Protein backbone atom coordinates (compact mmCIF):
# COMPACT_ATOMS: atom_id res chain seq x y z
CA UNK A 1 -3.58 0.85 -21.91
CA UNK A 2 -1.42 3.96 -21.43
CA UNK A 3 0.42 3.37 -24.69
CA UNK A 4 -2.75 2.61 -26.60
CA UNK A 5 -4.28 6.03 -25.88
CA UNK A 6 -0.97 7.94 -25.90
CA UNK A 7 -1.17 8.63 -22.17
CA UNK A 8 2.29 9.46 -20.81
CA UNK A 9 2.37 9.94 -17.05
CA UNK A 10 4.52 8.35 -14.37
CA UNK A 11 2.87 5.39 -12.68
CA UNK A 12 2.43 7.24 -9.36
CA UNK A 13 0.55 10.07 -11.14
CA UNK A 14 -1.96 7.55 -12.52
CA UNK A 15 -3.07 6.89 -8.95
CA UNK A 16 -4.90 10.23 -8.83
CA UNK A 17 -8.66 10.07 -9.23
CA UNK A 18 -8.61 12.62 -12.06
CA UNK A 19 -6.13 10.54 -14.07
CA UNK A 20 -8.15 7.37 -13.45
CA UNK A 21 -11.26 9.12 -14.76
CA UNK A 22 -9.32 10.35 -17.80
CA UNK A 23 -8.04 6.84 -18.54
CA UNK A 24 -11.49 5.30 -18.05
CA UNK A 25 -13.21 7.90 -20.26
CA UNK A 26 -10.61 7.41 -23.00
CA UNK A 27 -11.03 3.64 -22.82
CA UNK A 28 -14.85 3.86 -23.01
CA UNK A 29 -14.56 6.31 -25.92
CA UNK A 30 -12.36 3.83 -27.80
CA UNK A 31 -14.80 1.00 -27.11
CA UNK A 32 -17.69 3.20 -28.28
CA UNK A 33 -15.89 3.77 -31.56
CA UNK A 34 -14.97 0.11 -31.92
CA UNK A 35 -18.55 -1.04 -31.29
CA UNK A 36 -20.27 1.85 -33.13
CA UNK A 37 -21.87 3.21 -29.94
CA UNK A 38 -23.76 -0.02 -29.22
CA UNK A 39 -24.14 0.45 -25.47
CA UNK A 40 -24.68 -3.24 -24.72
CA UNK A 41 -21.50 -4.27 -26.53
CA UNK A 42 -19.53 -1.35 -25.07
CA UNK A 43 -20.54 -2.27 -21.52
CA UNK A 44 -19.80 -5.96 -22.00
CA UNK A 45 -16.44 -5.11 -23.61
CA UNK A 46 -15.57 -2.76 -20.76
CA UNK A 47 -16.34 -5.40 -18.17
CA UNK A 48 -15.14 -8.62 -19.83
CA UNK A 49 -12.76 -7.31 -22.49
CA UNK A 50 -13.25 -6.32 -26.13
CA UNK A 51 -12.32 -9.77 -27.44
CA UNK A 52 -15.16 -11.28 -25.38
CA UNK A 53 -17.70 -8.82 -26.82
CA UNK A 54 -16.45 -9.47 -30.35
CA UNK A 55 -16.72 -13.25 -29.83
CA UNK A 56 -20.26 -12.86 -28.56
CA UNK A 57 -21.43 -10.30 -31.10
CA UNK A 58 -24.50 -11.39 -33.02
CA UNK A 59 -25.13 -9.73 -36.36
CA UNK A 60 -28.18 -9.76 -38.55
CA UNK A 61 -31.81 -8.74 -38.52
CA UNK A 62 -32.74 -11.12 -35.70
CA UNK A 63 -30.21 -9.63 -33.26
CA UNK A 64 -32.10 -8.56 -30.14
CA UNK A 65 -30.03 -6.92 -27.43
CA UNK A 66 -31.83 -8.49 -24.51
CA UNK A 67 -31.09 -11.91 -26.00
CA UNK A 68 -27.43 -10.94 -26.29
CA UNK A 69 -27.34 -9.80 -22.66
CA UNK A 70 -28.94 -13.04 -21.47
CA UNK A 71 -26.41 -15.04 -23.51
CA UNK A 72 -23.35 -13.34 -21.98
CA UNK A 73 -21.50 -16.38 -20.61
CA UNK A 74 -20.18 -14.60 -17.53
CA UNK A 75 -22.83 -13.98 -14.88
CA UNK A 76 -20.84 -11.11 -13.41
CA UNK A 77 -20.66 -9.32 -16.78
CA UNK A 78 -24.32 -10.02 -17.50
CA UNK A 79 -25.32 -8.52 -14.13
CA UNK A 80 -22.98 -5.55 -14.70
CA UNK A 81 -24.54 -4.72 -18.08
CA UNK A 82 -28.08 -4.95 -16.67
CA UNK A 83 -27.17 -2.84 -13.64
CA UNK A 84 -25.57 -0.05 -15.66
CA UNK A 85 -28.50 0.11 -18.10
CA UNK A 86 -30.95 0.22 -15.22
CA UNK A 87 -29.00 2.91 -13.41
CA UNK A 88 -28.72 4.94 -16.62
CA UNK A 89 -32.50 5.03 -16.95
CA UNK A 90 -32.87 5.97 -13.25
CA UNK A 91 -30.31 8.76 -13.65
CA UNK A 92 -32.02 10.20 -16.71
CA UNK A 93 -35.37 10.19 -14.93
CA UNK A 94 -34.24 11.51 -11.53
CA UNK A 95 -31.65 14.06 -12.58
CA UNK A 96 -32.92 15.19 -15.97
CA UNK A 97 -36.61 14.38 -15.45
CA UNK A 98 -36.44 12.45 -18.69
CA UNK A 99 -37.90 9.04 -19.32
CA UNK A 100 -35.64 6.60 -21.09
CA UNK A 101 -37.16 4.32 -23.67
CA UNK A 102 -35.38 1.14 -22.63
CA UNK A 103 -36.57 -0.54 -25.80
CA UNK A 104 -33.55 1.15 -27.40
CA UNK A 105 -31.51 -1.38 -25.43
CA UNK A 106 -33.73 -4.25 -26.46
CA UNK A 107 -35.54 -4.53 -23.11
């Protein structure tokens, strides 16, 4: 991971919270680019690995994100994706007083 994003710090420095956040943000940014900002695929790739999201990707006009989420073969990843999407909508409403149209996620 460090080599992939050109992140050169000694291993003990990576233990700091700030460096962990920097690594995580860089990784999510790369996944967002790889999956063209499709939040469902990005979250599943983050949790189960990009190769798993690619293997499960469904293309075409009948692709519905909630169907994709329900077809994630790993229950832990499926629950993770649902939880993050739910919490995202809560956050937007509580902190920014903004309703989130969850239909954008296919739900």
